[in-house]
Amino acid sequence: MISLFAGEERSAKRDRIGDPLQVLDRHIDFAAIARAIDAKLTLGDRGKGGRPPYPTETMVRLLVLQQLYNLSDDALEYQVLDRNSFARFARLTHSSRVPDAKTVWVWRERLKKLDLIGDISAAVSGQLERAGFIARGGQIIDASIVSAPIQRNTREENAAIAQGEVPEDWNQAKRAQKDVDARWTRKNGRNFYGYKLHANTDRRWGFIRRAEVTPAAVSDTTMFEAVLDQNTSRDVYADRGYTKRARELALKEQGYRVQIQRKGERYKALSPAQQRRNRRIAKQRVFVEHAFARLEQLGGKYVRSIGLARAKVQLGLKVVTHNLQRLARLLERGVVPA
C-alpha cells in the first residue's frame, strides 16, 4: 500500500516495538569500556597529520554490533551506512565518515596484539558488580566446540604442523592464510575441526564469568582449574567429563561442594543412587547450555578468523557481548539483585 506518510508510520511502529540497541544504550557504560582500552592503546602520533582516529567508544560499539548480528567486516560497514538504528547506536548519525571494513579489522588486530580482551572483560565484570550482579548460586563449568574453516593440507604438512613446525615450502603469504593452531576432535561420533571455548557460568544470573579458548583437541578436563572462579555459593557443577578423584579431593579441601557427575566404568555400572545424583546435577547444568545457546545465536559456534590468537579475540568479544546483552535485559526488566 502506498502512503504519503509511510515514513512516519514506520517510525511510529518502530517506536512501539522498541529498538533492542537502545536497551543496551540505556544500561551499558560503553565509555568505561573505552577507557579500559585507552589505558593501554596508542593510536599513533597525531602531530604527523592525517585524519583523526575514530573514538575508542565508537569502535567498541561497532565491535558489539558486529557480534550481536554476526556480521563480517564488509557487512558491518554496509549496515552502518544503511541502517539508522546502527548509525545511532554507534554515534555516527551526524558523521560524514563511517569506519570501513579495513578499520574494523585493524582494531581487532590491535586488541589481539596488545592482548586487551582481558581488560575489556574486566571492565564488563566491573559493571556487573556495580549493578549488584555478583556471581551467585554456584559455578557451572563446561566447554563448547567452535568450528573453523577446514585446512586442506598434505599429510606431510599436517605432520609438520602437529610437531609445532611450519612446512618449509610455505612462503609468507601462504602462512598468513593457513591456520596452524586449530585441531580435530571427535564428539558423539562426529568429527569437528577448530577450537574449544571453556566457560564458567554462574548459576544464578547466567553470566559467563571466566572463559578460555584452546584448540579443539585439548581435553575439557585439563582446563577445569583455569576457569574456576569466585562465587558466593561453594557448589561447583560439571559433567562426567571432568570426573577426577584427585580433583574432587582438592576441591573439598578448599571448601567446595563438588557437584561433578559420576562416570561409569567398563565393568562397574553406576548405582541407582549415582544415577539419581547425575540427574540432579544435570538439572542445574542446563543453565550453562542456555549461555552456550545464546552464544550460538551470536554466531559463537564458528570463527572466520585464522589462528588461536584471533579466535581468542573473536570469542572473547562474543562472551563480552553476551554478558552486556544479558545485563541490559535484566536491568530493563527491573530485576533487583538479592
C-alpha atoms as a PDB file:
ATOM      1  CA  MET A   1       0.000   0.000   0.000  1.00  0.00           C
ATOM      2  CA  ILE A   2       1.342   3.419  -0.993  1.00  0.00           C
ATOM      3  CA  SER A   3       1.085   6.136   1.631  1.00  0.00           C
ATOM      4  CA  LEU A   4       2.281   9.732   1.744  1.00  0.00           C
ATOM      5  CA  PHE A   5       3.027   9.185   5.424  1.00  0.00           C
ATOM      6  CA  ALA A   6       4.811   5.828   5.085  1.00  0.00           C
ATOM      7  CA  GLY A   7       7.989   7.093   6.753  1.00  0.00           C
ATOM      8  CA  GLU A   8       6.141   8.482   9.771  1.00  0.00           C
ATOM      9  CA  GLU A   9       4.005   5.364  10.081  1.00  0.00           C
ATOM     10  CA  ARG A  10       7.036   3.058  10.025  1.00  0.00           C
ATOM     11  CA  SER A  11       8.799   5.279  12.549  1.00  0.00           C
ATOM     12  CA  ALA A  12       5.799   5.160  14.881  1.00  0.00           C
ATOM     13  CA  LYS A  13       5.641   1.373  14.632  1.00  0.00           C
ATOM     14  CA  ARG A  14       9.373   1.069  15.370  1.00  0.00           C
ATOM     15  CA  ASP A  15       8.853   3.181  18.475  1.00  0.00           C
ATOM     16  CA  ARG A  16       6.066   0.873  19.638  1.00  0.00           C
ATOM     17  CA  ILE A  17       8.120  -2.262  19.055  1.00  0.00           C
ATOM     18  CA  GLY A  18      11.222  -0.789  20.645  1.00  0.00           C
ATOM     19  CA  ASP A  19      14.845  -0.837  19.492  1.00  0.00           C
ATOM     20  CA  PRO A  20      16.884  -3.542  21.298  1.00  0.00           C
ATOM     21  CA  LEU A  21      20.015  -1.477  20.701  1.00  0.00           C
ATOM     22  CA  GLN A  22      18.523   1.343  22.725  1.00  0.00           C
ATOM     23  CA  VAL A  23      18.143  -1.081  25.646  1.00  0.00           C
ATOM     24  CA  LEU A  24      21.912  -1.598  25.513  1.00  0.00           C
ATOM     25  CA  ASP A  25      22.446   2.134  25.157  1.00  0.00           C
ATOM     26  CA  ARG A  26      20.411   2.892  28.270  1.00  0.00           C
ATOM     27  CA  HIS A  27      22.092   0.446  30.588  1.00  0.00           C
ATOM     28  CA  ILE A  28      25.679  -0.140  29.397  1.00  0.00           C
ATOM     29  CA  ASP A  29      28.553   2.243  30.108  1.00  0.00           C
ATOM     30  CA  PHE A  30      30.487   1.933  26.850  1.00  0.00           C
ATOM     31  CA  ALA A  31      32.678   4.883  27.825  1.00  0.00           C
ATOM     32  CA  ALA A  32      34.053   2.863  30.766  1.00  0.00           C
ATOM     33  CA  ILE A  33      34.986   0.004  28.411  1.00  0.00           C
ATOM     34  CA  ALA A  34      36.665   2.511  26.096  1.00  0.00           C
ATOM     35  CA  ARG A  35      38.704   3.912  28.997  1.00  0.00           C
ATOM     36  CA  ALA A  36      39.973   0.437  29.845  1.00  0.00           C
ATOM     37  CA  ILE A  37      41.208   0.080  26.254  1.00  0.00           C
ATOM     38  CA  ASP A  38      42.675   3.581  26.048  1.00  0.00           C
ATOM     39  CA  ALA A  39      44.742   2.865  29.158  1.00  0.00           C
ATOM     40  CA  LYS A  40      46.919   0.569  27.019  1.00  0.00           C
ATOM     41  CA  LEU A  41      46.154   1.535  23.412  1.00  0.00           C
ATOM     42  CA  THR A  42      48.268   4.021  21.456  1.00  0.00           C
ATOM     43  CA  LEU A  43      46.791   5.277  18.185  1.00  0.00           C
ATOM     44  CA  GLY A  44      49.921   6.906  16.811  1.00  0.00           C
ATOM     45  CA  ASP A  45      51.381  10.384  16.574  1.00  0.00           C
ATOM     46  CA  ARG A  46      48.642  12.926  15.865  1.00  0.00           C
ATOM     47  CA  GLY A  47      51.315  15.519  15.055  1.00  0.00           C
ATOM     48  CA  LYS A  48      52.072  13.807  11.731  1.00  0.00           C
ATOM     49  CA  GLY A  49      48.743  14.920  10.295  1.00  0.00           C
ATOM     50  CA  GLY A  50      46.144  12.807   8.527  1.00  0.00           C
ATOM     51  CA  ARG A  51      42.623  12.001   9.575  1.00  0.00           C
ATOM     52  CA  PRO A  52      41.985  11.843  13.310  1.00  0.00           C
ATOM     53  CA  PRO A  53      41.302   8.327  14.645  1.00  0.00           C
ATOM     54  CA  TYR A  54      37.770   7.264  15.435  1.00  0.00           C
ATOM     55  CA  PRO A  55      36.869   7.490  19.141  1.00  0.00           C
ATOM     56  CA  THR A  56      37.508   4.262  21.004  1.00  0.00           C
ATOM     57  CA  GLU A  57      33.918   4.195  22.243  1.00  0.00           C
ATOM     58  CA  THR A  58      32.654   4.286  18.647  1.00  0.00           C
ATOM     59  CA  MET A  59      34.834   1.307  17.733  1.00  0.00           C
ATOM     60  CA  VAL A  60      33.716  -0.611  20.838  1.00  0.00           C
ATOM     61  CA  ARG A  61      30.103  -0.037  19.863  1.00  0.00           C
ATOM     62  CA  LEU A  62      30.816  -1.222  16.316  1.00  0.00           C
ATOM     63  CA  LEU A  63      32.504  -4.401  17.560  1.00  0.00           C
ATOM     64  CA  VAL A  64      29.496  -5.117  19.786  1.00  0.00           C
ATOM     65  CA  LEU A  65      27.167  -4.559  16.814  1.00  0.00           C
ATOM     66  CA  GLN A  66      29.263  -6.968  14.773  1.00  0.00           C
ATOM     67  CA  GLN A  67      28.957  -9.675  17.414  1.00  0.00           C
ATOM     68  CA  LEU A  68      25.247  -9.098  18.057  1.00  0.00           C
ATOM     69  CA  TYR A  69      24.345  -9.589  14.406  1.00  0.00           C
ATOM     70  CA  ASN A  70      27.223 -11.902  13.409  1.00  0.00           C
ATOM     71  CA  LEU A  71      28.411  -9.634  10.602  1.00  0.00           C
ATOM     72  CA  SER A  72      31.560  -9.721   8.527  1.00  0.00           C
ATOM     73  CA  ASP A  73      33.636  -6.542   8.410  1.00  0.00           C
ATOM     74  CA  ASP A  74      32.247  -5.612   4.985  1.00  0.00           C
ATOM     75  CA  ALA A  75      28.666  -6.334   6.053  1.00  0.00           C
ATOM     76  CA  LEU A  76      29.119  -4.226   9.194  1.00  0.00           C
ATOM     77  CA  GLU A  77      30.335  -1.263   7.141  1.00  0.00           C
ATOM     78  CA  TYR A  78      27.338  -1.510   4.808  1.00  0.00           C
ATOM     79  CA  GLN A  79      24.783  -1.943   7.580  1.00  0.00           C
ATOM     80  CA  VAL A  80      26.055   1.089   9.498  1.00  0.00           C
ATOM     81  CA  LEU A  81      25.680   3.123   6.297  1.00  0.00           C
ATOM     82  CA  ASP A  82      22.245   1.671   5.556  1.00  0.00           C
ATOM     83  CA  ARG A  83      20.506   1.300   8.936  1.00  0.00           C
ATOM     84  CA  ASN A  84      19.613   4.302  11.053  1.00  0.00           C
ATOM     85  CA  SER A  85      19.487   2.199  14.218  1.00  0.00           C
ATOM     86  CA  PHE A  86      23.085   1.020  13.693  1.00  0.00           C
ATOM     87  CA  ALA A  87      24.367   4.519  12.970  1.00  0.00           C
ATOM     88  CA  ARG A  88      22.524   5.897  16.009  1.00  0.00           C
ATOM     89  CA  PHE A  89      23.925   3.196  18.292  1.00  0.00           C
ATOM     90  CA  ALA A  90      27.477   3.825  17.028  1.00  0.00           C
ATOM     91  CA  ARG A  91      27.085   7.603  17.497  1.00  0.00           C
ATOM     92  CA  LEU A  92      27.592   8.140  13.758  1.00  0.00           C
ATOM     93  CA  THR A  93      24.219   9.604  12.759  1.00  0.00           C
ATOM     94  CA  HIS A  94      25.649  13.065  12.087  1.00  0.00           C
ATOM     95  CA  SER A  95      29.100  11.943  10.974  1.00  0.00           C
ATOM     96  CA  SER A  96      30.257  12.253   7.369  1.00  0.00           C
ATOM     97  CA  ARG A  97      32.709   9.430   7.977  1.00  0.00           C
ATOM     98  CA  VAL A  98      31.956   5.816   8.848  1.00  0.00           C
ATOM     99  CA  PRO A  99      34.712   3.308   9.732  1.00  0.00           C
ATOM    100  CA  ASP A 100      35.285   0.989   6.797  1.00  0.00           C
ATOM    101  CA  ALA A 101      35.869  -2.761   6.887  1.00  0.00           C
ATOM    102  CA  LYS A 102      39.652  -2.341   6.984  1.00  0.00           C
ATOM    103  CA  THR A 103      39.418  -0.051  10.027  1.00  0.00           C
ATOM    104  CA  VAL A 104      37.337  -2.626  11.924  1.00  0.00           C
ATOM    105  CA  TRP A 105      39.853  -5.350  11.040  1.00  0.00           C
ATOM    106  CA  VAL A 106      42.768  -3.191  12.214  1.00  0.00           C
ATOM    107  CA  TRP A 107      41.011  -2.555  15.530  1.00  0.00           C
ATOM    108  CA  ARG A 108      40.570  -6.257  16.213  1.00  0.00           C
ATOM    109  CA  GLU A 109      44.227  -6.776  15.351  1.00  0.00           C
ATOM    110  CA  ARG A 110      45.150  -4.136  17.925  1.00  0.00           C
ATOM    111  CA  LEU A 111      43.099  -5.964  20.531  1.00  0.00           C
ATOM    112  CA  LYS A 112      44.980  -9.152  19.636  1.00  0.00           C
ATOM    113  CA  LYS A 113      48.441  -7.603  19.599  1.00  0.00           C
ATOM    114  CA  LEU A 114      48.017  -5.884  22.967  1.00  0.00           C
ATOM    115  CA  ASP A 115      46.014  -8.772  24.490  1.00  0.00           C
ATOM    116  CA  LEU A 116      43.211  -6.417  25.522  1.00  0.00           C
ATOM    117  CA  ILE A 117      40.335  -8.880  25.737  1.00  0.00           C
ATOM    118  CA  GLY A 118      41.131  -9.472  29.401  1.00  0.00           C
ATOM    119  CA  ASP A 119      40.965  -5.717  30.092  1.00  0.00           C
ATOM    120  CA  ILE A 120      37.634  -5.451  28.282  1.00  0.00           C
ATOM    121  CA  SER A 121      36.256  -8.429  30.208  1.00  0.00           C
ATOM    122  CA  ALA A 122      37.414  -6.889  33.486  1.00  0.00           C
ATOM    123  CA  ALA A 123      35.663  -3.611  32.631  1.00  0.00           C
ATOM    124  CA  VAL A 124      32.438  -5.506  31.905  1.00  0.00           C
ATOM    125  CA  SER A 125      32.785  -7.507  35.126  1.00  0.00           C
ATOM    126  CA  GLY A 126      33.087  -4.211  36.980  1.00  0.00           C
ATOM    127  CA  GLN A 127      29.755  -3.096  35.545  1.00  0.00           C
ATOM    128  CA  LEU A 128      28.136  -6.356  36.624  1.00  0.00           C
ATOM    129  CA  GLU A 129      29.401  -5.885  40.170  1.00  0.00           C
ATOM    130  CA  ARG A 130      28.345  -2.241  40.355  1.00  0.00           C
ATOM    131  CA  ALA A 131      24.860  -3.255  39.242  1.00  0.00           C
ATOM    132  CA  GLY A 132      24.806  -5.861  42.034  1.00  0.00           C
ATOM    133  CA  PHE A 133      25.030  -8.944  39.824  1.00  0.00           C
ATOM    134  CA  ILE A 134      27.834 -10.728  41.632  1.00  0.00           C
ATOM    135  CA  ALA A 135      28.379 -14.428  40.978  1.00  0.00           C
ATOM    136  CA  ARG A 136      25.803 -16.422  42.943  1.00  0.00           C
ATOM    137  CA  GLY A 137      24.219 -19.849  43.069  1.00  0.00           C
ATOM    138  CA  GLY A 138      27.338 -21.831  42.244  1.00  0.00           C
ATOM    139  CA  GLN A 139      29.515 -22.086  39.156  1.00  0.00           C
ATOM    140  CA  ILE A 140      28.924 -24.352  36.190  1.00  0.00           C
ATOM    141  CA  ILE A 141      31.943 -25.384  34.141  1.00  0.00           C
ATOM    142  CA  ASP A 142      31.614 -26.721  30.618  1.00  0.00           C
ATOM    143  CA  ALA A 143      33.134 -26.475  27.140  1.00  0.00           C
ATOM    144  CA  SER A 144      31.765 -25.963  23.645  1.00  0.00           C
ATOM    145  CA  ILE A 145      33.360 -26.787  20.303  1.00  0.00           C
ATOM    146  CA  VAL A 146      33.776 -23.850  17.912  1.00  0.00           C
ATOM    147  CA  SER A 147      34.281 -24.843  14.281  1.00  0.00           C
ATOM    148  CA  ALA A 148      36.813 -23.160  11.998  1.00  0.00           C
ATOM    149  CA  PRO A 149      37.431 -23.361   8.224  1.00  0.00           C
ATOM    150  CA  ILE A 150      38.936 -26.770   7.456  1.00  0.00           C
ATOM    151  CA  GLN A 151      42.513 -26.607   6.153  1.00  0.00           C
ATOM    152  CA  ARG A 152      43.407 -28.615   3.045  1.00  0.00           C
ATOM    153  CA  ASN A 153      46.936 -29.773   3.773  1.00  0.00           C
ATOM    154  CA  THR A 154      49.015 -32.735   2.665  1.00  0.00           C
ATOM    155  CA  ARG A 155      49.926 -35.477   5.134  1.00  0.00           C
ATOM    156  CA  GLU A 156      53.478 -34.152   5.282  1.00  0.00           C
ATOM    157  CA  GLU A 157      52.236 -30.625   6.032  1.00  0.00           C
ATOM    158  CA  ASN A 158      49.915 -31.886   8.765  1.00  0.00           C
ATOM    159  CA  ALA A 159      52.746 -33.910  10.295  1.00  0.00           C
ATOM    160  CA  ALA A 160      54.934 -30.806  10.461  1.00  0.00           C
ATOM    161  CA  ILE A 161      52.100 -28.734  11.967  1.00  0.00           C
ATOM    162  CA  ALA A 162      51.457 -31.427  14.589  1.00  0.00           C
ATOM    163  CA  GLN A 163      55.114 -31.052  15.648  1.00  0.00           C
ATOM    164  CA  GLY A 164      54.649 -27.310  16.066  1.00  0.00           C
ATOM    165  CA  GLU A 165      56.571 -26.537  12.882  1.00  0.00           C
ATOM    166  CA  VAL A 166      55.672 -24.641   9.713  1.00  0.00           C
ATOM    167  CA  PRO A 167      56.250 -26.515   6.417  1.00  0.00           C
ATOM    168  CA  GLU A 168      59.434 -25.221   4.794  1.00  0.00           C
ATOM    169  CA  ASP A 169      57.882 -24.633   1.355  1.00  0.00           C
ATOM    170  CA  TRP A 170      55.217 -22.231   2.719  1.00  0.00           C
ATOM    171  CA  ASN A 171      56.010 -18.656   1.815  1.00  0.00           C
ATOM    172  CA  GLN A 172      54.915 -15.711   3.961  1.00  0.00           C
ATOM    173  CA  ALA A 173      51.692 -15.156   2.001  1.00  0.00           C
ATOM    174  CA  LYS A 174      50.665 -18.801   2.354  1.00  0.00           C
ATOM    175  CA  ARG A 175      51.465 -18.846   6.058  1.00  0.00           C
ATOM    176  CA  ALA A 176      49.145 -15.853   6.575  1.00  0.00           C
ATOM    177  CA  GLN A 177      46.263 -17.864   5.105  1.00  0.00           C
ATOM    178  CA  LYS A 178      46.905 -21.099   6.990  1.00  0.00           C
ATOM    179  CA  ASP A 179      45.564 -21.920  10.442  1.00  0.00           C
ATOM    180  CA  VAL A 180      48.215 -23.973  12.215  1.00  0.00           C
ATOM    181  CA  ASP A 181      46.518 -23.810  15.625  1.00  0.00           C
ATOM    182  CA  ALA A 182      43.094 -25.382  15.014  1.00  0.00           C
ATOM    183  CA  ARG A 183      42.793 -29.131  15.623  1.00  0.00           C
ATOM    184  CA  TRP A 184      40.438 -32.035  15.002  1.00  0.00           C
ATOM    185  CA  THR A 185      38.392 -33.611  17.763  1.00  0.00           C
ATOM    186  CA  ARG A 186      35.608 -36.153  17.981  1.00  0.00           C
ATOM    187  CA  LYS A 187      32.365 -35.828  19.939  1.00  0.00           C
ATOM    188  CA  ASN A 188      29.256 -38.014  19.892  1.00  0.00           C
ATOM    189  CA  GLY A 189      30.566 -39.932  16.893  1.00  0.00           C
ATOM    190  CA  ARG A 190      31.205 -36.793  14.812  1.00  0.00           C
ATOM    191  CA  ASN A 191      34.453 -35.111  13.825  1.00  0.00           C
ATOM    192  CA  PHE A 192      34.967 -31.382  14.385  1.00  0.00           C
ATOM    193  CA  TYR A 193      37.772 -29.053  13.373  1.00  0.00           C
ATOM    194  CA  GLY A 194      38.531 -25.817  15.150  1.00  0.00           C
ATOM    195  CA  TYR A 195      38.705 -24.571  18.717  1.00  0.00           C
ATOM    196  CA  LYS A 196      37.056 -25.045  22.074  1.00  0.00           C
ATOM    197  CA  LEU A 197      35.550 -22.449  24.401  1.00  0.00           C
ATOM    198  CA  HIS A 198      35.889 -23.393  28.076  1.00  0.00           C
ATOM    199  CA  ALA A 199      33.497 -21.356  30.205  1.00  0.00           C
ATOM    200  CA  ASN A 200      32.422 -20.799  33.789  1.00  0.00           C
ATOM    201  CA  THR A 201      28.797 -19.638  34.112  1.00  0.00           C
ATOM    202  CA  ASP A 202      27.233 -18.552  37.372  1.00  0.00           C
ATOM    203  CA  ARG A 203      24.074 -20.481  38.245  1.00  0.00           C
ATOM    204  CA  ARG A 204      22.008 -17.533  39.493  1.00  0.00           C
ATOM    205  CA  TRP A 205      22.365 -14.935  36.738  1.00  0.00           C
ATOM    206  CA  GLY A 206      23.729 -16.800  33.710  1.00  0.00           C
ATOM    207  CA  PHE A 207      26.757 -14.577  33.081  1.00  0.00           C
ATOM    208  CA  ILE A 208      29.932 -16.167  31.754  1.00  0.00           C
ATOM    209  CA  ARG A 209      32.418 -15.224  34.462  1.00  0.00           C
ATOM    210  CA  ARG A 210      35.588 -16.742  33.040  1.00  0.00           C
ATOM    211  CA  ALA A 211      36.468 -18.201  29.665  1.00  0.00           C
ATOM    212  CA  GLU A 212      39.465 -19.717  27.923  1.00  0.00           C
ATOM    213  CA  VAL A 213      39.961 -20.694  24.274  1.00  0.00           C
ATOM    214  CA  THR A 214      42.077 -23.662  23.173  1.00  0.00           C
ATOM    215  CA  PRO A 215      42.466 -25.864  20.092  1.00  0.00           C
ATOM    216  CA  ALA A 216      39.572 -28.330  19.902  1.00  0.00           C
ATOM    217  CA  ALA A 217      41.799 -31.322  20.703  1.00  0.00           C
ATOM    218  CA  VAL A 218      42.516 -30.027  24.218  1.00  0.00           C
ATOM    219  CA  SER A 219      40.538 -32.106  26.697  1.00  0.00           C
ATOM    220  CA  ASP A 220      37.819 -30.318  28.648  1.00  0.00           C
ATOM    221  CA  THR A 221      39.130 -31.607  31.957  1.00  0.00           C
ATOM    222  CA  THR A 222      42.578 -30.021  31.563  1.00  0.00           C
ATOM    223  CA  MET A 223      41.047 -26.516  31.628  1.00  0.00           C
ATOM    224  CA  PHE A 224      38.863 -27.013  34.721  1.00  0.00           C
ATOM    225  CA  GLU A 225      41.127 -25.218  37.179  1.00  0.00           C
ATOM    226  CA  ALA A 226      41.871 -22.443  34.665  1.00  0.00           C
ATOM    227  CA  VAL A 227      38.230 -21.311  34.613  1.00  0.00           C
ATOM    228  CA  LEU A 228      37.402 -21.938  38.273  1.00  0.00           C
ATOM    229  CA  ASP A 229      36.218 -18.624  39.740  1.00  0.00           C
ATOM    230  CA  GLN A 230      34.785 -16.913  42.819  1.00  0.00           C
ATOM    231  CA  ASN A 231      31.135 -17.401  43.755  1.00  0.00           C
ATOM    232  CA  THR A 232      29.013 -16.779  46.848  1.00  0.00           C
ATOM    233  CA  SER A 233      27.992 -20.450  46.696  1.00  0.00           C
ATOM    234  CA  ARG A 234      30.520 -23.244  47.167  1.00  0.00           C
ATOM    235  CA  ASP A 235      28.757 -25.513  44.649  1.00  0.00           C
ATOM    236  CA  VAL A 236      30.767 -26.449  41.551  1.00  0.00           C
ATOM    237  CA  TYR A 237      28.842 -28.208  38.766  1.00  0.00           C
ATOM    238  CA  ALA A 238      30.346 -30.141  35.848  1.00  0.00           C
ATOM    239  CA  ASP A 239      29.548 -33.139  33.679  1.00  0.00           C
ATOM    240  CA  ARG A 240      31.188 -36.564  33.849  1.00  0.00           C
ATOM    241  CA  GLY A 241      33.992 -35.476  31.521  1.00  0.00           C
ATOM    242  CA  TYR A 242      35.536 -33.627  34.470  1.00  0.00           C
ATOM    243  CA  THR A 243      35.435 -36.580  36.858  1.00  0.00           C
ATOM    244  CA  LYS A 244      38.784 -36.966  38.600  1.00  0.00           C
ATOM    245  CA  ARG A 245      39.355 -38.311  42.097  1.00  0.00           C
ATOM    246  CA  ALA A 246      42.322 -36.064  42.865  1.00  0.00           C
ATOM    247  CA  ARG A 247      40.378 -33.020  41.668  1.00  0.00           C
ATOM    248  CA  GLU A 248      37.388 -33.784  43.873  1.00  0.00           C
ATOM    249  CA  LEU A 249      39.602 -34.222  46.918  1.00  0.00           C
ATOM    250  CA  ALA A 250      41.396 -30.929  46.211  1.00  0.00           C
ATOM    251  CA  LEU A 251      38.085 -29.089  45.765  1.00  0.00           C
ATOM    252  CA  LYS A 252      36.725 -30.457  49.035  1.00  0.00           C
ATOM    253  CA  GLU A 253      39.883 -29.400  50.858  1.00  0.00           C
ATOM    254  CA  GLN A 254      39.286 -25.871  49.539  1.00  0.00           C
ATOM    255  CA  GLY A 255      35.749 -25.900  50.895  1.00  0.00           C
ATOM    256  CA  TYR A 256      33.840 -26.520  47.673  1.00  0.00           C
ATOM    257  CA  ARG A 257      30.743 -28.715  47.395  1.00  0.00           C
ATOM    258  CA  VAL A 258      31.582 -30.975  44.477  1.00  0.00           C
ATOM    259  CA  GLN A 259      28.699 -31.450  42.055  1.00  0.00           C
ATOM    260  CA  ILE A 260      30.530 -33.320  39.289  1.00  0.00           C
ATOM    261  CA  GLN A 261      28.620 -36.153  37.642  1.00  0.00           C
ATOM    262  CA  ARG A 262      29.863 -39.691  38.166  1.00  0.00           C
ATOM    263  CA  LYS A 263      31.190 -41.720  35.249  1.00  0.00           C
ATOM    264  CA  GLY A 264      30.571 -45.427  34.861  1.00  0.00           C
ATOM    265  CA  GLU A 265      33.456 -47.823  34.380  1.00  0.00           C
ATOM    266  CA  ARG A 266      33.807 -50.665  31.950  1.00  0.00           C
ATOM    267  CA  TYR A 267      32.938 -53.421  34.414  1.00  0.00           C
ATOM    268  CA  LYS A 268      31.161 -51.320  37.008  1.00  0.00           C
ATOM    269  CA  ALA A 269      27.923 -49.581  36.130  1.00  0.00           C
ATOM    270  CA  LEU A 270      26.613 -46.613  38.076  1.00  0.00           C
ATOM    271  CA  SER A 271      24.463 -47.423  41.070  1.00  0.00           C
ATOM    272  CA  PRO A 272      20.856 -46.151  41.207  1.00  0.00           C
ATOM    273  CA  ALA A 273      21.941 -43.536  43.763  1.00  0.00           C
ATOM    274  CA  GLN A 274      24.699 -42.294  41.446  1.00  0.00           C
ATOM    275  CA  GLN A 275      22.264 -42.140  38.540  1.00  0.00           C
ATOM    276  CA  ARG A 276      19.864 -40.052  40.617  1.00  0.00           C
ATOM    277  CA  ARG A 277      22.732 -37.763  41.605  1.00  0.00           C
ATOM    278  CA  ASN A 278      23.720 -37.338  37.939  1.00  0.00           C
ATOM    279  CA  ARG A 279      20.155 -36.402  37.012  1.00  0.00           C
ATOM    280  CA  ARG A 280      20.005 -33.857  39.836  1.00  0.00           C
ATOM    281  CA  ILE A 281      23.245 -32.259  38.685  1.00  0.00           C
ATOM    282  CA  ALA A 282      22.060 -32.262  35.057  1.00  0.00           C
ATOM    283  CA  LYS A 283      19.071 -30.109  36.027  1.00  0.00           C
ATOM    284  CA  GLN A 284      21.493 -27.458  37.270  1.00  0.00           C
ATOM    285  CA  ARG A 285      23.959 -27.786  34.393  1.00  0.00           C
ATOM    286  CA  VAL A 286      21.254 -26.879  31.887  1.00  0.00           C
ATOM    287  CA  PHE A 287      21.849 -23.225  32.759  1.00  0.00           C
ATOM    288  CA  VAL A 288      25.270 -23.277  31.109  1.00  0.00           C
ATOM    289  CA  GLU A 289      23.602 -24.669  27.993  1.00  0.00           C
ATOM    290  CA  HIS A 290      21.392 -21.568  27.977  1.00  0.00           C
ATOM    291  CA  ALA A 291      24.521 -19.409  27.850  1.00  0.00           C
ATOM    292  CA  PHE A 292      26.034 -21.515  25.059  1.00  0.00           C
ATOM    293  CA  ALA A 293      22.740 -21.307  23.140  1.00  0.00           C
ATOM    294  CA  ARG A 294      22.830 -17.513  23.346  1.00  0.00           C
ATOM    295  CA  LEU A 295      26.432 -17.554  22.123  1.00  0.00           C
ATOM    296  CA  GLU A 296      25.349 -19.748  19.217  1.00  0.00           C
ATOM    297  CA  GLN A 297      22.689 -17.176  18.317  1.00  0.00           C
ATOM    298  CA  LEU A 298      25.502 -14.623  18.153  1.00  0.00           C
ATOM    299  CA  GLY A 299      27.473 -16.896  15.824  1.00  0.00           C
ATOM    300  CA  GLY A 300      29.715 -18.215  18.578  1.00  0.00           C
ATOM    301  CA  LYS A 301      29.831 -21.770  17.202  1.00  0.00           C
ATOM    302  CA  TYR A 302      32.012 -20.764  14.248  1.00  0.00           C
ATOM    303  CA  VAL A 303      35.019 -18.495  13.738  1.00  0.00           C
ATOM    304  CA  ARG A 304      36.007 -16.903  10.454  1.00  0.00           C
ATOM    305  CA  SER A 305      39.447 -15.908  11.702  1.00  0.00           C
ATOM    306  CA  ILE A 306      42.799 -17.668  11.322  1.00  0.00           C
ATOM    307  CA  GLY A 307      44.864 -18.749  14.322  1.00  0.00           C
ATOM    308  CA  LEU A 308      44.378 -19.156  18.045  1.00  0.00           C
ATOM    309  CA  ALA A 309      45.159 -15.519  18.933  1.00  0.00           C
ATOM    310  CA  ARG A 310      42.421 -14.201  16.629  1.00  0.00           C
ATOM    311  CA  ALA A 311      39.998 -16.891  17.797  1.00  0.00           C
ATOM    312  CA  LYS A 312      40.568 -15.694  21.372  1.00  0.00           C
ATOM    313  CA  VAL A 313      39.675 -12.142  20.333  1.00  0.00           C
ATOM    314  CA  GLN A 314      36.595 -13.134  18.381  1.00  0.00           C
ATOM    315  CA  LEU A 315      35.228 -15.493  21.032  1.00  0.00           C
ATOM    316  CA  GLY A 316      36.215 -13.102  23.802  1.00  0.00           C
ATOM    317  CA  LEU A 317      34.133 -10.404  22.123  1.00  0.00           C
ATOM    318  CA  LYS A 318      31.241 -12.880  21.833  1.00  0.00           C
ATOM    319  CA  VAL A 319      31.380 -13.576  25.563  1.00  0.00           C
ATOM    320  CA  VAL A 320      31.570  -9.855  26.365  1.00  0.00           C
ATOM    321  CA  THR A 321      28.597  -9.132  24.104  1.00  0.00           C
ATOM    322  CA  HIS A 322      26.589 -11.947  25.686  1.00  0.00           C
ATOM    323  CA  ASN A 323      27.237 -10.532  29.154  1.00  0.00           C
ATOM    324  CA  LEU A 324      26.410  -6.965  28.106  1.00  0.00           C
ATOM    325  CA  GLN A 325      23.179  -8.026  26.421  1.00  0.00           C
ATOM    326  CA  ARG A 326      22.103 -10.081  29.418  1.00  0.00           C
ATOM    327  CA  LEU A 327      22.929  -7.274  31.857  1.00  0.00           C
ATOM    328  CA  ALA A 328      20.947  -4.742  29.808  1.00  0.00           C
ATOM    329  CA  ARG A 329      17.929  -7.061  29.616  1.00  0.00           C
ATOM    330  CA  LEU A 330      17.932  -7.756  33.345  1.00  0.00           C
ATOM    331  CA  LEU A 331      18.158  -4.040  34.140  1.00  0.00           C
ATOM    332  CA  GLU A 332      15.457  -3.215  31.596  1.00  0.00           C
ATOM    333  CA  ARG A 333      13.132  -5.710  33.299  1.00  0.00           C
ATOM    334  CA  GLY A 334      13.821  -4.044  36.616  1.00  0.00           C
ATOM    335  CA  VAL A 335      15.462  -7.101  38.160  1.00  0.00           C
ATOM    336  CA  VAL A 336      16.907  -6.206  41.553  1.00  0.00           C
ATOM    337  CA  PRO A 337      19.793  -8.461  42.670  1.00  0.00           C
ATOM    338  CA  ALA A 338      19.026 -10.066  46.006  1.00  0.00           C
END
